[in-house]
Protein backbone atom coordinates (compact mmCIF):
# COMPACT_ATOMS: atom_id res chain seq x y z
CA MET A 1 0.00 0.00 0.00
CA LEU A 2 1.15 3.51 -0.82
CA SER A 3 0.52 6.65 1.19
CA ILE A 4 -2.52 8.78 0.44
CA GLU A 5 -0.20 11.53 -0.79
CA THR A 6 1.44 9.10 -3.22
CA TYR A 7 -1.88 7.95 -4.64
CA GLN A 8 -2.82 11.59 -5.05
CA LYS A 9 0.43 12.40 -6.85
CA GLU A 10 0.18 9.34 -9.12
CA PHE A 11 -3.40 10.23 -10.04
CA ILE A 12 -2.60 13.88 -10.73
CA ASP A 13 0.31 12.81 -12.94
CA TYR A 14 -2.06 10.56 -14.88
CA LEU A 15 -4.66 13.32 -15.07
CA ASN A 16 -2.07 15.73 -16.44
CA ARG A 17 -1.30 13.26 -19.23
CA PHE A 18 -5.00 13.11 -20.08
CA SER A 19 -5.02 15.89 -22.63
CA ILE A 20 -8.23 16.97 -24.29
CA LEU A 21 -6.86 20.04 -26.01
CA ARG A 22 -8.71 19.64 -29.26
CA GLU A 23 -11.22 21.48 -31.43
CA PRO A 24 -13.56 23.20 -30.88
CA LYS A 25 -11.63 25.00 -28.15
CA ASN A 26 -14.75 26.53 -26.62
CA LEU A 27 -15.96 22.99 -25.85
CA TYR A 28 -12.74 21.46 -24.54
CA ASN A 29 -10.92 24.38 -22.90
CA PRO A 30 -13.54 24.64 -20.10
CA ILE A 31 -13.06 20.91 -19.44
CA GLU A 32 -9.31 21.39 -19.12
CA TYR A 33 -9.96 24.36 -16.85
CA ILE A 34 -12.23 22.58 -14.36
CA LEU A 35 -10.05 19.46 -14.27
CA ARG A 36 -6.93 21.52 -13.52
CA LEU A 37 -8.49 23.63 -10.75
CA GLY A 38 -7.25 21.24 -8.11
CA GLY A 39 -9.40 19.85 -5.34
CA LYS A 40 -8.91 16.96 -2.96
CA ARG A 41 -9.18 14.27 -5.68
CA LEU A 42 -10.92 12.24 -2.96
CA ARG A 43 -12.88 9.92 -5.21
CA PRO A 44 -10.11 8.80 -7.58
CA ILE A 45 -7.74 8.31 -4.64
CA LEU A 46 -10.34 5.99 -3.11
CA THR A 47 -10.59 4.03 -6.36
CA LEU A 48 -6.84 3.50 -6.52
CA MET A 49 -6.52 2.73 -2.83
CA THR A 50 -9.38 0.21 -2.93
CA THR A 51 -7.79 -1.65 -5.83
CA GLU A 52 -4.65 -2.21 -3.77
CA ILE A 53 -6.69 -3.00 -0.65
CA PHE A 54 -7.76 -6.07 -2.65
CA ASP A 55 -4.18 -6.87 -3.71
CA VAL A 56 -4.17 -5.58 -7.29
CA ASP A 57 -1.82 -2.91 -8.70
CA TYR A 58 -3.48 0.51 -8.49
CA LYS A 59 -2.27 1.33 -12.02
CA LYS A 60 -4.93 -0.98 -13.41
CA ALA A 61 -7.58 1.32 -11.92
CA LEU A 62 -6.25 4.63 -13.23
CA ASP A 63 -8.80 4.86 -16.04
CA ALA A 64 -11.69 4.03 -13.70
CA ALA A 65 -10.39 6.61 -11.23
CA LEU A 66 -10.14 9.20 -13.99
CA ALA A 67 -13.71 8.43 -15.11
CA VAL A 68 -14.92 9.10 -11.57
CA GLU A 69 -13.06 12.41 -11.41
CA VAL A 70 -14.29 13.54 -14.85
CA PHE A 71 -17.87 12.69 -13.90
CA HIS A 72 -17.55 14.46 -10.55
CA ASN A 73 -16.32 17.63 -12.23
CA PHE A 74 -19.08 17.40 -14.85
CA SER A 75 -21.60 17.42 -12.00
CA LEU A 76 -19.85 20.42 -10.41
CA ILE A 77 -20.15 22.48 -13.60
CA HIS A 78 -23.89 21.86 -13.81
CA ASP A 79 -24.35 22.22 -10.05
CA ASP A 80 -22.64 25.62 -10.12
CA ILE A 81 -24.91 26.75 -12.95
CA MET A 82 -28.03 25.74 -11.04
CA ASP A 83 -26.76 27.41 -7.86
CA ASP A 84 -25.48 30.48 -9.77
CA ALA A 85 -22.26 30.01 -7.80
CA PRO A 86 -19.45 32.48 -8.56
CA LEU A 87 -16.58 30.43 -7.10
CA ARG A 88 -15.32 26.87 -7.30
CA ARG A 89 -12.12 25.97 -5.46
CA GLY A 90 -11.40 29.64 -5.01
CA ASN A 91 -11.61 30.37 -8.76
CA SER A 92 -14.31 31.50 -11.16
CA THR A 93 -16.83 28.81 -12.02
CA VAL A 94 -16.98 27.65 -15.65
CA HIS A 95 -20.22 29.48 -16.44
CA GLU A 96 -18.80 32.69 -14.95
CA LYS A 97 -15.53 32.43 -16.89
CA TRP A 98 -17.28 31.50 -20.15
CA ASP A 99 -21.08 31.44 -20.19
CA ILE A 100 -24.00 29.21 -19.21
CA ASN A 101 -24.41 27.53 -22.60
CA THR A 102 -20.72 26.63 -22.69
CA GLY A 103 -20.95 25.22 -19.19
CA ILE A 104 -23.90 23.01 -20.09
CA LEU A 105 -22.33 21.67 -23.28
CA SER A 106 -18.85 21.14 -21.85
CA GLY A 107 -20.42 19.33 -18.92
CA ASP A 108 -22.33 17.05 -21.29
CA ALA A 109 -19.11 16.24 -23.12
CA MET A 110 -17.43 15.33 -19.83
CA LEU A 111 -20.12 12.74 -19.08
CA ILE A 112 -19.41 11.07 -22.42
CA LEU A 113 -15.64 11.24 -21.87
CA ALA A 114 -16.10 9.51 -18.52
CA TYR A 115 -17.91 6.58 -20.14
CA GLN A 116 -15.24 6.31 -22.84
CA LEU A 117 -12.60 5.65 -20.20
CA PHE A 118 -14.29 2.37 -19.26
CA GLU A 119 -13.66 1.11 -22.80
CA HIS A 120 -10.05 0.41 -21.78
CA TYR A 121 -11.18 -2.60 -19.71
CA GLU A 122 -12.01 -6.11 -20.83
CA PRO A 123 -15.74 -6.79 -21.45
CA LYS A 124 -16.70 -8.28 -18.07
CA THR A 125 -15.06 -5.48 -16.11
CA PHE A 126 -16.38 -2.85 -18.53
CA GLN A 127 -19.92 -4.12 -18.08
CA ALA A 128 -19.70 -4.09 -14.26
CA LEU A 129 -18.15 -0.61 -14.20
CA ALA A 130 -20.64 0.85 -16.68
CA LYS A 131 -23.62 -0.69 -14.87
CA LEU A 132 -22.54 0.76 -11.52
CA PHE A 133 -21.69 4.08 -13.14
CA SER A 134 -25.10 4.42 -14.81
CA LYS A 135 -26.94 3.62 -11.59
CA THR A 136 -24.81 6.12 -9.68
CA ALA A 137 -25.16 8.88 -12.27
CA LEU A 138 -28.95 8.60 -12.16
CA GLN A 139 -28.93 8.70 -8.36
CA VAL A 140 -26.81 11.86 -8.48
CA CYS A 141 -29.42 13.46 -10.75
CA GLU A 142 -32.20 12.39 -8.35
CA GLY A 143 -30.33 13.91 -5.44
CA GLN A 144 -29.76 17.14 -7.34
CA GLN A 145 -33.46 17.43 -8.19
CA ASP A 146 -34.43 16.81 -4.56
CA ASP A 147 -31.94 19.50 -3.53
CA ILE A 148 -33.62 21.97 -5.90
CA ASP A 149 -37.13 20.98 -4.77
CA PHE A 150 -36.24 21.39 -1.10
CA GLU A 151 -35.47 25.07 -1.66
CA THR A 152 -39.19 25.83 -2.03
CA ARG A 153 -40.50 23.35 0.56
CA SER A 154 -41.04 24.15 4.24
CA ASP A 155 -41.62 20.58 5.39
CA VAL A 156 -38.34 18.81 4.55
CA THR A 157 -37.56 16.09 7.09
CA ILE A 158 -34.18 14.87 8.32
CA ALA A 159 -34.82 11.51 6.62
CA GLU A 160 -35.55 13.21 3.29
CA TYR A 161 -32.48 15.38 3.61
CA LEU A 162 -30.20 12.46 4.40
CA ASN A 163 -31.59 10.56 1.40
CA MET A 164 -30.91 13.59 -0.79
CA ILE A 165 -27.26 13.95 0.24
CA ALA A 166 -26.78 10.19 -0.02
CA ASN A 167 -27.83 10.37 -3.66
CA LYS A 168 -26.25 13.68 -4.56
CA THR A 169 -22.85 13.06 -2.96
CA ALA A 170 -22.37 9.84 -1.02
CA VAL A 171 -23.25 7.25 -3.67
CA LEU A 172 -20.41 8.52 -5.87
CA VAL A 173 -17.95 8.03 -3.02
CA GLY A 174 -19.26 4.49 -2.53
CA ALA A 175 -19.15 3.82 -6.27
CA ALA A 176 -15.57 5.11 -6.51
CA MET A 177 -14.52 2.51 -3.97
CA GLN A 178 -16.59 -0.27 -5.50
CA MET A 179 -15.01 0.45 -8.90
CA GLY A 180 -11.61 -0.23 -7.37
CA ALA A 181 -12.97 -3.50 -6.02
CA ILE A 182 -14.42 -4.37 -9.45
CA VAL A 183 -11.09 -3.76 -11.16
CA ALA A 184 -9.46 -5.95 -8.49
CA ASN A 185 -12.06 -8.67 -9.11
CA ALA A 186 -13.02 -8.74 -5.43
CA SER A 187 -15.97 -10.84 -4.24
CA ILE A 188 -19.48 -9.38 -4.56
CA GLU A 189 -19.73 -9.34 -0.76
CA ASP A 190 -16.57 -7.27 -0.46
CA GLN A 191 -17.68 -5.02 -3.31
CA ASN A 192 -20.95 -4.29 -1.51
CA ASN A 193 -19.28 -3.73 1.85
CA ILE A 194 -16.65 -1.36 0.50
CA TYR A 195 -19.48 0.52 -1.22
CA GLU A 196 -21.30 0.90 2.11
CA PHE A 197 -18.10 2.10 3.76
CA GLY A 198 -17.69 4.78 1.10
CA LYS A 199 -21.36 5.76 1.11
CA ASN A 200 -21.47 6.32 4.88
CA LEU A 201 -18.20 8.22 4.77
CA GLY A 202 -19.69 10.27 1.93
CA ILE A 203 -22.73 11.20 4.01
CA ALA A 204 -20.43 12.32 6.83
CA PHE A 205 -18.36 14.28 4.31
CA GLN A 206 -21.42 16.09 2.90
CA LEU A 207 -22.75 16.93 6.36
CA GLN A 208 -19.36 18.39 7.13
CA ASP A 209 -19.42 20.27 3.81
CA ASP A 210 -22.77 21.79 4.79
CA TYR A 211 -21.36 22.76 8.17
CA LEU A 212 -18.29 24.38 6.59
CA ASP A 213 -20.48 26.22 4.09
CA THR A 214 -21.86 28.17 7.04
CA PHE A 215 -19.05 28.09 9.60
CA GLY A 216 -15.95 27.61 7.44
CA ASN A 217 -13.26 29.93 6.15
CA SER A 218 -13.56 30.91 2.48
CA ASN A 219 -9.75 30.82 2.05
CA THR A 220 -9.46 27.19 3.14
CA PHE A 221 -12.93 26.01 2.11
CA GLY A 222 -12.59 27.26 -1.48
CA LYS A 223 -16.22 28.31 -1.86
CA GLN A 224 -18.36 31.25 -0.91
CA ILE A 225 -19.27 31.05 2.78
CA GLY A 226 -23.02 31.18 3.38
CA GLY A 227 -23.92 30.01 -0.12
CA ASP A 228 -26.48 27.49 1.15
CA ILE A 229 -28.15 30.19 3.25
CA ILE A 230 -28.28 32.60 0.30
CA GLU A 231 -29.89 29.87 -1.81
CA ASN A 232 -32.34 29.04 1.02
CA LYS A 233 -31.23 25.40 1.05
CA LYS A 234 -32.86 23.28 3.75
CA THR A 235 -29.69 21.72 5.13
CA TYR A 236 -29.27 19.55 8.21
CA LEU A 237 -28.40 22.72 10.11
CA TYR A 238 -31.67 24.38 9.10
CA ILE A 239 -33.91 21.39 9.79
CA LYS A 240 -32.36 20.80 13.21
CA ALA A 241 -32.65 24.52 14.04
CA LEU A 242 -36.40 24.35 13.37
CA GLU A 243 -36.61 21.28 15.57
CA PHE A 244 -34.72 22.84 18.49
CA SER A 245 -35.67 26.54 18.35
CA ASP A 246 -38.34 28.46 20.23
CA GLU A 247 -41.32 29.92 18.38
CA SER A 248 -39.69 33.31 17.89
CA ASN A 249 -36.56 31.94 16.23
CA ILE A 250 -38.60 29.49 14.15
CA LYS A 251 -40.64 32.34 12.69
CA GLN A 252 -37.52 34.41 12.05
CA LEU A 253 -35.74 31.49 10.41
CA GLU A 254 -38.71 30.63 8.19
CA HIS A 255 -39.11 34.28 7.20
CA LEU A 256 -35.44 34.64 6.29
CA TYR A 257 -35.57 31.45 4.21
CA ASP A 258 -38.55 32.84 2.28
CA THR A 259 -36.70 35.99 1.25
CA HIS A 260 -33.76 37.15 -0.86
CA PRO A 261 -32.76 40.40 0.90
CA ALA A 262 -30.22 42.79 -0.55
CA ASP A 263 -28.21 42.64 2.67
CA VAL A 264 -27.16 38.98 2.44
CA GLU A 265 -24.39 39.37 5.00
CA ASN A 266 -26.88 40.29 7.71
CA LYS A 267 -29.08 37.35 6.72
CA ILE A 268 -26.13 34.94 6.92
CA GLU A 269 -25.00 36.25 10.31
CA THR A 270 -28.49 36.17 11.82
CA ILE A 271 -29.07 32.59 10.71
CA LYS A 272 -25.64 31.49 11.92
CA GLN A 273 -26.50 32.76 15.39
CA ILE A 274 -29.79 30.84 15.36
CA PHE A 275 -27.91 27.68 14.36
CA ILE A 276 -25.53 28.17 17.28
CA VAL A 277 -28.06 29.16 19.96
CA SER A 278 -30.52 26.39 19.04
CA GLY A 279 -27.86 23.68 19.29
CA SER A 280 -28.22 22.85 15.60
CA SER A 281 -24.52 23.40 14.91
CA GLU A 282 -23.56 20.92 17.65
CA ALA A 283 -26.17 18.40 16.46
CA THR A 284 -24.69 18.57 12.97
CA LYS A 285 -21.19 17.88 14.29
CA THR A 286 -22.60 14.89 16.21
CA ALA A 287 -24.23 13.54 13.04
CA ILE A 288 -20.92 13.87 11.19
CA GLU A 289 -19.22 11.80 13.87
CA ASN A 290 -22.01 9.19 13.89
CA TYR A 291 -21.84 8.56 10.13
CA THR A 292 -18.06 8.42 10.25
CA ASN A 293 -18.29 5.73 12.94
CA LYS A 294 -20.96 3.92 10.93
CA ALA A 295 -18.52 3.76 8.02
CA PHE A 296 -15.78 2.42 10.27
CA ALA A 297 -18.12 -0.31 11.60
CA VAL A 298 -18.48 -1.70 8.05
CA LEU A 299 -14.73 -2.37 7.97
CA GLU A 300 -15.20 -5.31 10.34
CA HIS A 301 -17.06 -7.20 7.59
CA LEU A 302 -14.38 -6.80 4.91
CA ASN A 303 -12.19 -9.79 4.05
CA ILE A 304 -8.94 -7.84 4.26
CA SER A 305 -6.09 -7.65 6.78
CA GLU A 306 -6.31 -5.60 9.97
CA ASN A 307 -3.51 -3.44 8.65
CA LYS A 308 -5.53 -2.53 5.57
CA LYS A 309 -8.59 -1.80 7.69
CA ALA A 310 -6.41 0.57 9.71
CA ILE A 311 -5.35 2.33 6.51
CA LEU A 312 -8.98 2.89 5.50
CA ARG A 313 -9.81 4.13 8.98
CA GLN A 314 -6.86 6.54 8.85
CA PHE A 315 -8.07 7.90 5.52
CA GLY A 316 -11.53 8.49 6.97
CA GLU A 317 -10.10 10.27 9.99
CA GLN A 318 -7.94 12.52 7.83
CA LEU A 319 -10.90 13.32 5.58
CA MET A 320 -13.08 14.33 8.49
CA ASN A 321 -10.43 16.59 10.03
CA ARG A 322 -10.56 19.29 7.35
CA ASN A 323 -9.75 22.89 8.23
CA VAL A 324 -12.67 25.09 9.20
C-alpha cells in the first residue's frame, strides 16, 4: 500500500497526461480548466486505494479513477450553474468564466468522456463498471433534483435530507470505492461492503461540507461562505434549528428562508447565530461523527487484513479533520 499523498500524486500525474486540447476549443478548454483547478481528488484516490486494498496494482484502476473524477467535475459544472455560484475551489466557475451555454455543453461532453474511459477494460469489467456508473449517475441526478425541490419546501424532514445527500454526494464516493474492487475482481460481498463504507463516509463528508459552508473559512474552504443560506437550502443545520428553536426563532428562520434580501451578509450572520443558539450546529457535528463511525463499523465485515482496515480508517479520519 502507498501513502494517500502518493496515490494523489500518481493520479494527478495521470490526469495531467490526459489531454483533451482539441477542437472546438470553446468545448474542450472549459473541461481542461475545471479538471486543472485542483481539489482533494478524494474519489479517484479511493478508487486507486481500494484496488490495492484487494491486492491488485493501483495502475490498473487509473482509467476508472479518472472516469470518476471527470464525472464528478461534470456534476460540479452543472451544479454551479443551477446554484449560480461564482466560485469553485477559489476560482471563477466555468459558467462565470465563459457562459452558461458553454458550461452546459462542456459538462455534457465530460459525461461522455467519462464513459469512454471504461472502454479500456475487458468486457466483463467494462460491463460491471458501466452498470454501476449508470446507476450512480442517475442517483446523483435524483439527489440534485431533490436538492432543488427542497429550496421551495417548508416541510423537509431529516430523513428526506439524508436521502438527498446520499444520492447527490455519497453514492459517488461508494461507487468510486466499489469500482476499485471491481477492477481488483473482489468478491461481490466485499464489493458491496466497500461501497457501504464509502457511502457512509460520503454522508459524513457532505454533512461536514454543509457545516463548513456556514461556519468555514472561504480561504481554506474554497467556496463562498453562506452560499447554502443565500440559496435558502434546507440543510441539516436548518432542519435541526427548526426542531430545536423556540417559536420566535422558528418564525424568524422561516421568514429569512422565504426571502432574498439585498443585505445577504446580515441574513447569513443572523441565521448562523440561530444555528448556534438552538444547538443545531452541535447536532450537525454529532451527526458527522455518527456517520463516520458507521462507516468504520463496516470495515469489520471486509475480508482484508487488519492493517488494511487501519489504513482505510486513517483515511476516513484525515478526511473528516478538514480545516474550518
